Amino acid sequence: MMDTRVKQRTGAAGGRVRSRVRQQLLDAGLELFGVQGYAHTTVGALCEEAGVPEEVFREEYDSLEGLLIALHSRVTTNGMRAAENVQLAEDIDECGPQERVRRLFDAYVDAVTRDPREARVTFVEVLGVSPAVDEHCRRWRDTWVEFYAAATERAVGRGEAVNTDHRADVIVMVNTIHELMAHHARRPRRARPEDVSGELTYLALTLLTAE
């Protein structure tokens, strides 16, 4: 077990120790939540997996719920960055609408499903945990709505989408994306990322071009 005096260390060395401890807890949470499930994980089991005393865990995350939220944010942030990088690619404006949308979803799906445990935590284990986790996920959905709404407005400007208010369509799309990702994360046999991305691409283009 790690020395409980870690919580008393300060300065650069203390910061490095704390960062390492947080990473150990995140790794342990990913393994236990992503394999046996959040509901079947105890604080004791998590701390044993991480090699961290319970009192140190409480200092860092307070509860398993707090660790679950941190893991969800980490994976979802990776997905958002991957999608943003596609939008910023130098050649993105040279692509047709189908290729552009497909590249976006290829990057997103790869980022959030590369590790099956991350996909399970992000799309399955967060469901129905508590009002706090529900609110956290709702805020992330709102962020995705803004991201896709901005992308849709650019598509309208290029003449690639019907010139109408697509916000309701985007909300439906974001909710459907999460439902599809949860469906695939629950399947005992892992779906190919390109198949998942293809489904999302078809959904997005259908909504964008609907009269």
N, C-alpha and C. Protein backbone atom coordinates (compact mmCIF):
# COMPACT_ATOMS: atom_id res chain seq x y z
N MET A 1 0.83 -1.20 0.00
CA MET A 1 0.00 0.00 0.00
C MET A 1 0.87 1.26 0.00
N MET A 2 0.34 2.29 -0.64
CA MET A 2 1.09 3.54 -0.71
C MET A 2 1.06 4.25 0.65
N ASP A 3 2.15 4.89 1.00
CA ASP A 3 2.26 5.63 2.25
C ASP A 3 1.17 6.69 2.32
N THR A 4 0.38 6.67 3.41
CA THR A 4 -0.71 7.63 3.55
C THR A 4 -0.20 9.05 3.69
N ARG A 5 1.10 9.22 3.94
CA ARG A 5 1.65 10.58 4.05
C ARG A 5 1.71 11.28 2.71
N VAL A 6 1.36 10.54 1.60
CA VAL A 6 1.35 11.17 0.28
C VAL A 6 0.45 12.39 0.26
N LYS A 7 -0.62 12.34 1.05
CA LYS A 7 -1.57 13.45 1.03
C LYS A 7 -0.98 14.71 1.66
N GLN A 8 0.12 14.56 2.41
CA GLN A 8 0.70 15.71 3.09
C GLN A 8 1.80 16.37 2.26
N ARG A 9 2.21 15.76 1.17
CA ARG A 9 3.31 16.28 0.39
C ARG A 9 2.85 17.46 -0.44
N THR A 10 3.76 18.41 -0.57
CA THR A 10 3.43 19.62 -1.32
C THR A 10 4.53 19.90 -2.33
N GLY A 11 4.34 20.94 -3.13
CA GLY A 11 5.34 21.32 -4.10
C GLY A 11 5.30 20.44 -5.32
N ALA A 12 6.35 20.55 -6.17
CA ALA A 12 6.39 19.82 -7.43
C ALA A 12 6.35 18.31 -7.22
N ALA A 13 7.14 17.83 -6.21
CA ALA A 13 7.16 16.40 -5.95
C ALA A 13 5.79 15.91 -5.52
N GLY A 14 5.13 16.69 -4.65
CA GLY A 14 3.80 16.32 -4.19
C GLY A 14 2.81 16.31 -5.33
N GLY A 15 2.94 17.26 -6.26
CA GLY A 15 2.06 17.30 -7.41
C GLY A 15 2.21 16.08 -8.28
N ARG A 16 3.46 15.64 -8.47
CA ARG A 16 3.70 14.45 -9.29
C ARG A 16 3.12 13.20 -8.62
N VAL A 17 3.29 13.13 -7.28
CA VAL A 17 2.75 11.99 -6.55
C VAL A 17 1.23 11.97 -6.67
N ARG A 18 0.63 13.14 -6.49
CA ARG A 18 -0.83 13.20 -6.56
C ARG A 18 -1.32 12.83 -7.96
N SER A 19 -0.63 13.29 -8.99
CA SER A 19 -1.00 12.96 -10.36
C SER A 19 -0.91 11.46 -10.59
N ARG A 20 0.14 10.84 -10.04
CA ARG A 20 0.30 9.39 -10.19
C ARG A 20 -0.81 8.64 -9.46
N VAL A 21 -1.17 9.11 -8.28
CA VAL A 21 -2.23 8.47 -7.51
C VAL A 21 -3.56 8.56 -8.25
N ARG A 22 -3.87 9.73 -8.80
CA ARG A 22 -5.11 9.91 -9.54
C ARG A 22 -5.13 8.98 -10.76
N GLN A 23 -3.99 8.83 -11.42
CA GLN A 23 -3.93 7.94 -12.58
C GLN A 23 -4.14 6.49 -12.16
N GLN A 24 -3.57 6.10 -11.04
CA GLN A 24 -3.78 4.74 -10.54
C GLN A 24 -5.25 4.49 -10.25
N LEU A 25 -5.92 5.48 -9.66
CA LEU A 25 -7.34 5.33 -9.35
C LEU A 25 -8.18 5.29 -10.62
N LEU A 26 -7.85 6.12 -11.59
CA LEU A 26 -8.57 6.11 -12.86
C LEU A 26 -8.39 4.77 -13.58
N ASP A 27 -7.16 4.27 -13.57
CA ASP A 27 -6.90 2.98 -14.21
C ASP A 27 -7.66 1.85 -13.52
N ALA A 28 -7.70 1.90 -12.20
CA ALA A 28 -8.43 0.87 -11.45
C ALA A 28 -9.92 0.97 -11.71
N GLY A 29 -10.44 2.21 -11.74
CA GLY A 29 -11.86 2.41 -12.03
C GLY A 29 -12.22 1.91 -13.42
N LEU A 30 -11.35 2.19 -14.38
CA LEU A 30 -11.60 1.73 -15.74
C LEU A 30 -11.66 0.21 -15.79
N GLU A 31 -10.75 -0.44 -15.12
CA GLU A 31 -10.71 -1.90 -15.12
C GLU A 31 -11.95 -2.49 -14.45
N LEU A 32 -12.29 -1.99 -13.26
CA LEU A 32 -13.40 -2.58 -12.51
C LEU A 32 -14.76 -2.17 -13.07
N PHE A 33 -14.96 -0.88 -13.34
CA PHE A 33 -16.24 -0.44 -13.92
C PHE A 33 -16.43 -1.02 -15.32
N GLY A 34 -15.34 -1.11 -16.07
CA GLY A 34 -15.43 -1.52 -17.46
C GLY A 34 -15.48 -3.01 -17.68
N VAL A 35 -15.19 -3.79 -16.63
CA VAL A 35 -15.20 -5.24 -16.77
C VAL A 35 -16.32 -5.86 -15.94
N GLN A 36 -16.36 -5.54 -14.64
CA GLN A 36 -17.39 -6.15 -13.80
C GLN A 36 -18.59 -5.24 -13.58
N GLY A 37 -18.43 -3.93 -13.88
CA GLY A 37 -19.56 -3.01 -13.78
C GLY A 37 -19.48 -2.11 -12.56
N TYR A 38 -19.99 -0.89 -12.72
CA TYR A 38 -19.98 0.08 -11.63
C TYR A 38 -20.74 -0.43 -10.41
N ALA A 39 -21.91 -1.00 -10.61
CA ALA A 39 -22.76 -1.43 -9.49
C ALA A 39 -22.13 -2.56 -8.69
N HIS A 40 -21.19 -3.27 -9.29
CA HIS A 40 -20.56 -4.41 -8.61
C HIS A 40 -19.17 -4.08 -8.08
N THR A 41 -18.84 -2.79 -8.05
CA THR A 41 -17.53 -2.36 -7.58
C THR A 41 -17.66 -1.68 -6.22
N THR A 42 -16.81 -2.06 -5.28
CA THR A 42 -16.79 -1.43 -3.96
C THR A 42 -15.56 -0.54 -3.85
N VAL A 43 -15.60 0.39 -2.91
CA VAL A 43 -14.44 1.25 -2.67
C VAL A 43 -13.24 0.41 -2.27
N GLY A 44 -13.47 -0.59 -1.43
CA GLY A 44 -12.38 -1.45 -1.00
C GLY A 44 -11.70 -2.15 -2.17
N ALA A 45 -12.51 -2.70 -3.07
CA ALA A 45 -11.97 -3.42 -4.22
C ALA A 45 -11.21 -2.46 -5.13
N LEU A 46 -11.75 -1.26 -5.30
CA LEU A 46 -11.10 -0.27 -6.15
C LEU A 46 -9.75 0.13 -5.59
N CYS A 47 -9.71 0.39 -4.29
CA CYS A 47 -8.45 0.82 -3.67
C CYS A 47 -7.42 -0.29 -3.69
N GLU A 48 -7.87 -1.53 -3.54
CA GLU A 48 -6.94 -2.66 -3.61
C GLU A 48 -6.37 -2.77 -5.02
N GLU A 49 -7.23 -2.60 -6.02
CA GLU A 49 -6.77 -2.65 -7.41
C GLU A 49 -5.77 -1.54 -7.70
N ALA A 50 -6.03 -0.36 -7.14
CA ALA A 50 -5.17 0.80 -7.40
C ALA A 50 -3.93 0.82 -6.54
N GLY A 51 -3.94 0.09 -5.42
CA GLY A 51 -2.83 0.16 -4.49
C GLY A 51 -2.79 1.47 -3.74
N VAL A 52 -3.98 1.99 -3.42
CA VAL A 52 -4.11 3.31 -2.77
C VAL A 52 -4.99 3.17 -1.53
N PRO A 53 -4.62 3.77 -0.39
CA PRO A 53 -5.46 3.72 0.80
C PRO A 53 -6.81 4.40 0.56
N GLU A 54 -7.83 3.91 1.26
CA GLU A 54 -9.17 4.47 1.09
C GLU A 54 -9.21 5.95 1.43
N GLU A 55 -8.47 6.37 2.45
CA GLU A 55 -8.53 7.78 2.84
C GLU A 55 -7.95 8.68 1.74
N VAL A 56 -6.96 8.17 1.01
CA VAL A 56 -6.41 8.94 -0.11
C VAL A 56 -7.41 8.99 -1.24
N PHE A 57 -8.08 7.86 -1.52
CA PHE A 57 -9.14 7.85 -2.54
C PHE A 57 -10.20 8.88 -2.21
N ARG A 58 -10.62 8.94 -0.94
CA ARG A 58 -11.68 9.89 -0.54
C ARG A 58 -11.23 11.33 -0.75
N GLU A 59 -9.94 11.58 -0.55
CA GLU A 59 -9.43 12.93 -0.78
C GLU A 59 -9.49 13.32 -2.25
N GLU A 60 -9.23 12.37 -3.12
CA GLU A 60 -9.15 12.66 -4.55
C GLU A 60 -10.51 12.69 -5.22
N TYR A 61 -11.37 11.73 -4.91
CA TYR A 61 -12.64 11.61 -5.64
C TYR A 61 -13.87 11.56 -4.75
N ASP A 62 -13.69 11.47 -3.47
CA ASP A 62 -14.79 11.48 -2.50
C ASP A 62 -15.66 10.23 -2.57
N SER A 63 -15.98 9.76 -3.78
CA SER A 63 -16.89 8.63 -3.93
C SER A 63 -16.63 7.93 -5.26
N LEU A 64 -17.17 6.72 -5.39
CA LEU A 64 -17.09 6.01 -6.66
C LEU A 64 -17.79 6.80 -7.76
N GLU A 65 -18.85 7.48 -7.38
CA GLU A 65 -19.60 8.30 -8.33
C GLU A 65 -18.70 9.40 -8.92
N GLY A 66 -17.89 10.01 -8.06
CA GLY A 66 -16.98 11.05 -8.53
C GLY A 66 -15.94 10.50 -9.49
N LEU A 67 -15.46 9.29 -9.22
CA LEU A 67 -14.49 8.65 -10.11
C LEU A 67 -15.14 8.29 -11.44
N LEU A 68 -16.37 7.82 -11.39
CA LEU A 68 -17.10 7.48 -12.61
C LEU A 68 -17.27 8.72 -13.49
N ILE A 69 -17.61 9.84 -12.89
CA ILE A 69 -17.77 11.10 -13.63
C ILE A 69 -16.43 11.50 -14.26
N ALA A 70 -15.35 11.35 -13.52
CA ALA A 70 -14.03 11.71 -14.04
C ALA A 70 -13.66 10.84 -15.24
N LEU A 71 -13.96 9.55 -15.15
CA LEU A 71 -13.66 8.65 -16.27
C LEU A 71 -14.49 9.00 -17.49
N HIS A 72 -15.77 9.27 -17.28
CA HIS A 72 -16.65 9.66 -18.38
C HIS A 72 -16.14 10.92 -19.06
N SER A 73 -15.74 11.90 -18.26
CA SER A 73 -15.23 13.15 -18.83
C SER A 73 -13.97 12.92 -19.63
N ARG A 74 -13.09 12.06 -19.13
CA ARG A 74 -11.83 11.80 -19.84
C ARG A 74 -12.08 11.19 -21.22
N VAL A 75 -12.94 10.20 -21.28
CA VAL A 75 -13.20 9.53 -22.55
C VAL A 75 -13.95 10.46 -23.50
N THR A 76 -14.95 11.16 -22.97
CA THR A 76 -15.74 12.04 -23.82
C THR A 76 -14.92 13.21 -24.33
N THR A 77 -14.02 13.71 -23.51
CA THR A 77 -13.12 14.78 -23.96
C THR A 77 -12.23 14.28 -25.10
N ASN A 78 -11.75 13.06 -25.00
CA ASN A 78 -10.95 12.49 -26.09
C ASN A 78 -11.77 12.41 -27.38
N GLY A 79 -13.04 12.03 -27.25
CA GLY A 79 -13.90 11.96 -28.42
C GLY A 79 -14.14 13.33 -29.04
N MET A 80 -14.34 14.32 -28.19
CA MET A 80 -14.55 15.68 -28.67
C MET A 80 -13.30 16.21 -29.37
N ARG A 81 -12.15 15.99 -28.79
CA ARG A 81 -10.90 16.46 -29.41
C ARG A 81 -10.66 15.79 -30.76
N ALA A 82 -10.98 14.50 -30.85
CA ALA A 82 -10.81 13.80 -32.12
C ALA A 82 -11.70 14.40 -33.19
N ALA A 83 -12.95 14.71 -32.83
CA ALA A 83 -13.87 15.31 -33.79
C ALA A 83 -13.43 16.72 -34.16
N GLU A 84 -12.95 17.48 -33.19
CA GLU A 84 -12.47 18.84 -33.47
C GLU A 84 -11.26 18.81 -34.39
N ASN A 85 -10.38 17.85 -34.21
CA ASN A 85 -9.19 17.76 -35.06
C ASN A 85 -9.58 17.51 -36.52
N VAL A 86 -10.63 16.74 -36.74
CA VAL A 86 -11.11 16.53 -38.11
C VAL A 86 -11.60 17.85 -38.69
N GLN A 87 -12.34 18.61 -37.89
CA GLN A 87 -12.87 19.89 -38.37
C GLN A 87 -11.74 20.86 -38.72
N LEU A 88 -10.60 20.72 -38.05
CA LEU A 88 -9.48 21.64 -38.26
C LEU A 88 -8.48 21.16 -39.31
N ALA A 89 -8.70 19.97 -39.86
CA ALA A 89 -7.77 19.43 -40.84
C ALA A 89 -7.69 20.35 -42.07
N GLU A 90 -6.49 20.51 -42.62
CA GLU A 90 -6.28 21.44 -43.73
C GLU A 90 -7.11 21.10 -44.96
N ASP A 91 -7.35 19.81 -45.19
CA ASP A 91 -8.05 19.41 -46.41
C ASP A 91 -9.54 19.18 -46.21
N ILE A 92 -10.07 19.51 -45.03
CA ILE A 92 -11.46 19.15 -44.74
C ILE A 92 -12.44 19.86 -45.66
N ASP A 93 -12.15 21.10 -46.07
CA ASP A 93 -13.08 21.82 -46.94
C ASP A 93 -13.07 21.29 -48.36
N GLU A 94 -12.09 20.47 -48.69
CA GLU A 94 -12.03 19.89 -50.03
C GLU A 94 -12.87 18.62 -50.13
N CYS A 95 -13.33 18.12 -49.00
CA CYS A 95 -14.10 16.88 -48.97
C CYS A 95 -15.57 17.15 -49.31
N GLY A 96 -16.22 16.14 -49.87
CA GLY A 96 -17.66 16.21 -50.04
C GLY A 96 -18.34 15.98 -48.70
N PRO A 97 -19.64 16.26 -48.60
CA PRO A 97 -20.33 16.14 -47.30
C PRO A 97 -20.27 14.74 -46.70
N GLN A 98 -20.43 13.71 -47.54
CA GLN A 98 -20.42 12.35 -47.00
C GLN A 98 -19.05 11.99 -46.44
N GLU A 99 -17.99 12.32 -47.17
CA GLU A 99 -16.64 12.02 -46.68
C GLU A 99 -16.33 12.82 -45.42
N ARG A 100 -16.76 14.08 -45.39
CA ARG A 100 -16.48 14.93 -44.23
C ARG A 100 -17.15 14.36 -42.98
N VAL A 101 -18.43 14.00 -43.11
CA VAL A 101 -19.15 13.44 -41.96
C VAL A 101 -18.55 12.10 -41.56
N ARG A 102 -18.19 11.30 -42.54
CA ARG A 102 -17.63 9.99 -42.23
C ARG A 102 -16.30 10.12 -41.51
N ARG A 103 -15.47 11.05 -41.94
CA ARG A 103 -14.19 11.26 -41.26
C ARG A 103 -14.40 11.69 -39.81
N LEU A 104 -15.38 12.54 -39.59
CA LEU A 104 -15.67 13.00 -38.23
C LEU A 104 -16.06 11.83 -37.34
N PHE A 105 -16.98 10.99 -37.83
CA PHE A 105 -17.43 9.88 -37.01
C PHE A 105 -16.38 8.77 -36.91
N ASP A 106 -15.58 8.59 -37.96
CA ASP A 106 -14.48 7.62 -37.84
C ASP A 106 -13.57 8.00 -36.68
N ALA A 107 -13.22 9.29 -36.60
CA ALA A 107 -12.31 9.75 -35.55
C ALA A 107 -12.96 9.63 -34.18
N TYR A 108 -14.23 10.02 -34.09
CA TYR A 108 -14.94 9.96 -32.80
C TYR A 108 -15.07 8.52 -32.31
N VAL A 109 -15.55 7.65 -33.17
CA VAL A 109 -15.76 6.26 -32.76
C VAL A 109 -14.44 5.60 -32.37
N ASP A 110 -13.40 5.85 -33.13
CA ASP A 110 -12.10 5.28 -32.78
C ASP A 110 -11.65 5.76 -31.40
N ALA A 111 -11.86 7.04 -31.11
CA ALA A 111 -11.39 7.60 -29.84
C ALA A 111 -12.13 7.02 -28.64
N VAL A 112 -13.43 6.77 -28.79
CA VAL A 112 -14.21 6.34 -27.61
C VAL A 112 -14.43 4.84 -27.53
N THR A 113 -14.01 4.08 -28.55
CA THR A 113 -14.20 2.63 -28.50
C THR A 113 -12.91 1.86 -28.61
N ARG A 114 -11.77 2.57 -28.74
CA ARG A 114 -10.48 1.88 -28.88
C ARG A 114 -10.29 0.90 -27.73
N ASP A 115 -10.69 1.30 -26.55
CA ASP A 115 -10.66 0.42 -25.38
C ASP A 115 -12.11 0.07 -25.05
N PRO A 116 -12.52 -1.20 -25.18
CA PRO A 116 -13.92 -1.58 -24.90
C PRO A 116 -14.37 -1.21 -23.50
N ARG A 117 -13.45 -1.16 -22.56
CA ARG A 117 -13.82 -0.78 -21.19
C ARG A 117 -14.26 0.67 -21.15
N GLU A 118 -13.57 1.53 -21.90
CA GLU A 118 -13.95 2.94 -21.94
C GLU A 118 -15.33 3.11 -22.54
N ALA A 119 -15.62 2.36 -23.60
CA ALA A 119 -16.94 2.44 -24.22
C ALA A 119 -18.03 2.02 -23.24
N ARG A 120 -17.78 0.95 -22.50
CA ARG A 120 -18.79 0.48 -21.55
C ARG A 120 -19.02 1.50 -20.44
N VAL A 121 -17.94 2.05 -19.90
CA VAL A 121 -18.07 3.06 -18.84
C VAL A 121 -18.83 4.28 -19.35
N THR A 122 -18.49 4.75 -20.55
CA THR A 122 -19.01 6.01 -21.07
C THR A 122 -20.45 5.93 -21.51
N PHE A 123 -20.87 4.78 -22.05
CA PHE A 123 -22.20 4.70 -22.64
C PHE A 123 -23.17 3.78 -21.90
N VAL A 124 -22.66 2.94 -20.98
CA VAL A 124 -23.53 2.00 -20.28
C VAL A 124 -23.51 2.22 -18.78
N GLU A 125 -22.31 2.22 -18.18
CA GLU A 125 -22.22 2.24 -16.73
C GLU A 125 -22.70 3.55 -16.10
N VAL A 126 -22.74 4.63 -16.87
CA VAL A 126 -23.21 5.92 -16.32
C VAL A 126 -24.73 6.00 -16.27
N LEU A 127 -25.43 5.08 -16.90
CA LEU A 127 -26.89 5.18 -17.00
C LEU A 127 -27.57 4.82 -15.68
N GLY A 128 -28.41 5.74 -15.21
CA GLY A 128 -29.24 5.48 -14.03
C GLY A 128 -28.50 5.39 -12.72
N VAL A 129 -27.30 5.92 -12.64
CA VAL A 129 -26.51 5.83 -11.40
C VAL A 129 -27.07 6.77 -10.33
N SER A 130 -27.25 8.03 -10.69
CA SER A 130 -27.73 9.03 -9.73
C SER A 130 -28.10 10.30 -10.47
N PRO A 131 -28.86 11.20 -9.82
CA PRO A 131 -29.17 12.49 -10.46
C PRO A 131 -27.91 13.28 -10.81
N ALA A 132 -26.87 13.19 -9.99
CA ALA A 132 -25.65 13.94 -10.26
C ALA A 132 -24.97 13.45 -11.53
N VAL A 133 -24.91 12.13 -11.71
CA VAL A 133 -24.31 11.58 -12.92
C VAL A 133 -25.18 11.90 -14.14
N ASP A 134 -26.50 11.82 -13.95
CA ASP A 134 -27.42 12.18 -15.05
C ASP A 134 -27.20 13.62 -15.48
N GLU A 135 -27.04 14.52 -14.52
CA GLU A 135 -26.82 15.93 -14.84
C GLU A 135 -25.49 16.13 -15.54
N HIS A 136 -24.47 15.42 -15.09
CA HIS A 136 -23.17 15.50 -15.74
C HIS A 136 -23.27 15.08 -17.21
N CYS A 137 -23.95 13.96 -17.47
CA CYS A 137 -24.11 13.48 -18.84
C CYS A 137 -24.96 14.44 -19.67
N ARG A 138 -25.96 15.06 -19.05
CA ARG A 138 -26.80 16.01 -19.77
C ARG A 138 -25.98 17.21 -20.22
N ARG A 139 -25.07 17.68 -19.35
CA ARG A 139 -24.23 18.82 -19.73
C ARG A 139 -23.33 18.46 -20.90
N TRP A 140 -22.82 17.24 -20.90
CA TRP A 140 -21.99 16.81 -22.02
C TRP A 140 -22.83 16.71 -23.30
N ARG A 141 -24.06 16.23 -23.19
CA ARG A 141 -24.92 16.17 -24.37
C ARG A 141 -25.18 17.56 -24.92
N ASP A 142 -25.39 18.52 -24.02
CA ASP A 142 -25.58 19.90 -24.47
C ASP A 142 -24.36 20.41 -25.22
N THR A 143 -23.17 20.04 -24.75
CA THR A 143 -21.94 20.44 -25.43
C THR A 143 -21.87 19.83 -26.83
N TRP A 144 -22.27 18.57 -26.94
CA TRP A 144 -22.28 17.92 -28.25
C TRP A 144 -23.32 18.55 -29.17
N VAL A 145 -24.45 18.94 -28.63
CA VAL A 145 -25.47 19.61 -29.44
C VAL A 145 -24.90 20.88 -30.04
N GLU A 146 -24.19 21.67 -29.24
CA GLU A 146 -23.59 22.90 -29.74
C GLU A 146 -22.54 22.60 -30.81
N PHE A 147 -21.76 21.57 -30.60
CA PHE A 147 -20.72 21.19 -31.57
C PHE A 147 -21.35 20.82 -32.91
N TYR A 148 -22.36 19.94 -32.89
CA TYR A 148 -22.97 19.49 -34.13
C TYR A 148 -23.85 20.57 -34.76
N ALA A 149 -24.44 21.43 -33.94
CA ALA A 149 -25.24 22.53 -34.48
C ALA A 149 -24.35 23.47 -35.28
N ALA A 150 -23.15 23.75 -34.77
CA ALA A 150 -22.22 24.62 -35.48
C ALA A 150 -21.77 23.97 -36.79
N ALA A 151 -21.51 22.66 -36.75
CA ALA A 151 -21.11 21.94 -37.96
C ALA A 151 -22.23 21.95 -38.98
N THR A 152 -23.46 21.83 -38.51
CA THR A 152 -24.61 21.83 -39.41
C THR A 152 -24.80 23.19 -40.07
N GLU A 153 -24.58 24.25 -39.30
CA GLU A 153 -24.69 25.60 -39.86
C GLU A 153 -23.67 25.81 -40.97
N ARG A 154 -22.47 25.25 -40.79
CA ARG A 154 -21.45 25.36 -41.84
C ARG A 154 -21.88 24.57 -43.08
N ALA A 155 -22.51 23.42 -42.86
CA ALA A 155 -22.98 22.62 -43.99
C ALA A 155 -24.08 23.35 -44.75
N VAL A 156 -24.96 24.04 -44.03
CA VAL A 156 -26.00 24.85 -44.68
C VAL A 156 -25.35 25.95 -45.51
N GLY A 157 -24.34 26.59 -44.95
CA GLY A 157 -23.64 27.66 -45.66
C GLY A 157 -22.98 27.19 -46.93
N ARG A 158 -22.54 25.92 -46.94
CA ARG A 158 -21.91 25.37 -48.14
C ARG A 158 -22.94 24.83 -49.14
N GLY A 159 -24.21 24.89 -48.76
CA GLY A 159 -25.25 24.36 -49.63
C GLY A 159 -25.37 22.85 -49.58
N GLU A 160 -24.83 22.23 -48.51
CA GLU A 160 -24.83 20.77 -48.40
C GLU A 160 -25.98 20.26 -47.54
N ALA A 161 -26.68 21.15 -46.88
CA ALA A 161 -27.79 20.76 -46.02
C ALA A 161 -28.97 21.67 -46.30
N VAL A 162 -30.16 21.16 -46.02
CA VAL A 162 -31.37 21.95 -46.22
C VAL A 162 -31.30 23.20 -45.36
N ASN A 163 -31.65 24.34 -45.93
CA ASN A 163 -31.58 25.62 -45.22
C ASN A 163 -32.79 25.77 -44.31
N THR A 164 -32.67 25.23 -43.14
CA THR A 164 -33.73 25.30 -42.14
C THR A 164 -33.10 25.22 -40.76
N ASP A 165 -33.90 25.36 -39.72
CA ASP A 165 -33.38 25.25 -38.36
C ASP A 165 -33.22 23.77 -38.01
N HIS A 166 -32.00 23.33 -37.90
CA HIS A 166 -31.72 21.91 -37.65
C HIS A 166 -31.52 21.58 -36.18
N ARG A 167 -31.76 22.52 -35.28
CA ARG A 167 -31.44 22.25 -33.87
C ARG A 167 -32.20 21.04 -33.33
N ALA A 168 -33.47 20.94 -33.65
CA ALA A 168 -34.23 19.78 -33.17
C ALA A 168 -33.64 18.49 -33.75
N ASP A 169 -33.24 18.54 -35.02
CA ASP A 169 -32.61 17.37 -35.64
C ASP A 169 -31.32 17.01 -34.93
N VAL A 170 -30.54 18.03 -34.58
CA VAL A 170 -29.25 17.79 -33.92
C VAL A 170 -29.47 17.16 -32.55
N ILE A 171 -30.47 17.63 -31.81
CA ILE A 171 -30.77 17.04 -30.49
C ILE A 171 -31.14 15.57 -30.65
N VAL A 172 -31.99 15.27 -31.63
CA VAL A 172 -32.36 13.88 -31.90
C VAL A 172 -31.11 13.07 -32.25
N MET A 173 -30.25 13.64 -33.08
CA MET A 173 -29.05 12.94 -33.51
C MET A 173 -28.13 12.63 -32.33
N VAL A 174 -27.90 13.62 -31.47
CA VAL A 174 -27.01 13.40 -30.33
C VAL A 174 -27.56 12.31 -29.41
N ASN A 175 -28.85 12.36 -29.13
CA ASN A 175 -29.45 11.32 -28.28
C ASN A 175 -29.36 9.95 -28.94
N THR A 176 -29.58 9.91 -30.24
CA THR A 176 -29.52 8.64 -30.96
C THR A 176 -28.10 8.10 -31.01
N ILE A 177 -27.14 8.99 -31.17
CA ILE A 177 -25.73 8.57 -31.15
C ILE A 177 -25.42 7.85 -29.85
N HIS A 178 -25.83 8.45 -28.73
CA HIS A 178 -25.55 7.83 -27.44
C HIS A 178 -26.29 6.50 -27.27
N GLU A 179 -27.50 6.42 -27.79
CA GLU A 179 -28.24 5.16 -27.71
C GLU A 179 -27.57 4.07 -28.54
N LEU A 180 -27.12 4.43 -29.74
CA LEU A 180 -26.43 3.47 -30.59
C LEU A 180 -25.11 3.02 -29.97
N MET A 181 -24.37 3.97 -29.42
CA MET A 181 -23.10 3.61 -28.79
C MET A 181 -23.32 2.70 -27.59
N ALA A 182 -24.38 2.96 -26.81
CA ALA A 182 -24.70 2.10 -25.67
C ALA A 182 -25.08 0.70 -26.15
N HIS A 183 -25.85 0.64 -27.23
CA HIS A 183 -26.24 -0.66 -27.79
C HIS A 183 -25.01 -1.47 -28.18
N HIS A 184 -24.09 -0.84 -28.88
CA HIS A 184 -22.90 -1.56 -29.32
C HIS A 184 -21.99 -1.91 -28.15
N ALA A 185 -21.92 -1.05 -27.15
CA ALA A 185 -21.07 -1.33 -25.99
C ALA A 185 -21.60 -2.50 -25.17
N ARG A 186 -22.91 -2.74 -25.23
CA ARG A 186 -23.50 -3.85 -24.47
C ARG A 186 -23.34 -5.20 -25.18
N ARG A 187 -23.13 -5.16 -26.48
CA ARG A 187 -23.09 -6.41 -27.23
C ARG A 187 -21.90 -7.29 -26.81
N PRO A 188 -22.15 -8.60 -26.63
CA PRO A 188 -21.04 -9.48 -26.23
C PRO A 188 -19.96 -9.57 -27.29
N ARG A 189 -20.36 -9.43 -28.56
CA ARG A 189 -19.39 -9.44 -29.65
C ARG A 189 -19.21 -8.01 -30.13
N ARG A 190 -17.98 -7.54 -30.09
CA ARG A 190 -17.70 -6.14 -30.39
C ARG A 190 -17.94 -5.83 -31.87
N ALA A 191 -18.70 -4.76 -32.12
CA ALA A 191 -18.94 -4.33 -33.50
C ALA A 191 -17.68 -3.68 -34.06
N ARG A 192 -17.49 -3.79 -35.37
CA ARG A 192 -16.35 -3.14 -35.99
C ARG A 192 -16.54 -1.63 -35.96
N PRO A 193 -15.51 -0.86 -35.60
CA PRO A 193 -15.65 0.60 -35.53
C PRO A 193 -16.17 1.21 -36.83
N GLU A 194 -15.73 0.67 -37.97
CA GLU A 194 -16.18 1.24 -39.25
C GLU A 194 -17.66 1.02 -39.48
N ASP A 195 -18.22 -0.06 -38.92
CA ASP A 195 -19.66 -0.29 -39.05
C ASP A 195 -20.44 0.69 -38.18
N VAL A 196 -19.94 0.92 -36.98
CA VAL A 196 -20.59 1.90 -36.10
C VAL A 196 -20.54 3.28 -36.72
N SER A 197 -19.37 3.66 -37.22
CA SER A 197 -19.21 4.96 -37.86
C SER A 197 -20.13 5.08 -39.07
N GLY A 198 -20.30 4.00 -39.81
CA GLY A 198 -21.19 4.02 -40.97
C GLY A 198 -22.63 4.28 -40.57
N GLU A 199 -23.07 3.68 -39.48
CA GLU A 199 -24.43 3.91 -38.99
C GLU A 199 -24.63 5.38 -38.61
N LEU A 200 -23.65 5.94 -37.91
CA LEU A 200 -23.76 7.33 -37.47
C LEU A 200 -23.73 8.29 -38.66
N THR A 201 -22.91 7.97 -39.64
CA THR A 201 -22.83 8.81 -40.84
C THR A 201 -24.16 8.82 -41.57
N TYR A 202 -24.75 7.65 -41.73
CA TYR A 202 -26.06 7.55 -42.40
C TYR A 202 -27.11 8.36 -41.65
N LEU A 203 -27.11 8.24 -40.33
CA LEU A 203 -28.07 8.98 -39.52
C LEU A 203 -27.92 10.48 -39.72
N ALA A 204 -26.67 10.98 -39.63
CA ALA A 204 -26.44 12.41 -39.73
C ALA A 204 -26.84 12.94 -41.10
N LEU A 205 -26.46 12.24 -42.15
CA LEU A 205 -26.77 12.71 -43.51
C LEU A 205 -28.28 12.65 -43.78
N THR A 206 -28.95 11.68 -43.21
CA THR A 206 -30.41 11.59 -43.37
C THR A 206 -31.09 12.80 -42.74
N LEU A 207 -30.65 13.16 -41.54
CA LEU A 207 -31.25 14.29 -40.86
C LEU A 207 -30.94 15.61 -41.56
N LEU A 208 -29.73 15.74 -42.05
CA LEU A 208 -29.30 16.98 -42.70
C LEU A 208 -30.02 17.23 -44.01
N THR A 209 -30.34 16.18 -44.72
CA THR A 209 -30.91 16.35 -46.06
C THR A 209 -32.42 16.20 -46.09
N ALA A 210 -33.02 15.92 -44.91
CA ALA A 210 -34.48 15.74 -44.88
C ALA A 210 -35.19 17.06 -45.10
N GLU A 211 -36.21 17.05 -45.97
CA GLU A 211 -36.98 18.28 -46.22
C GLU A 211 -37.96 18.52 -45.08
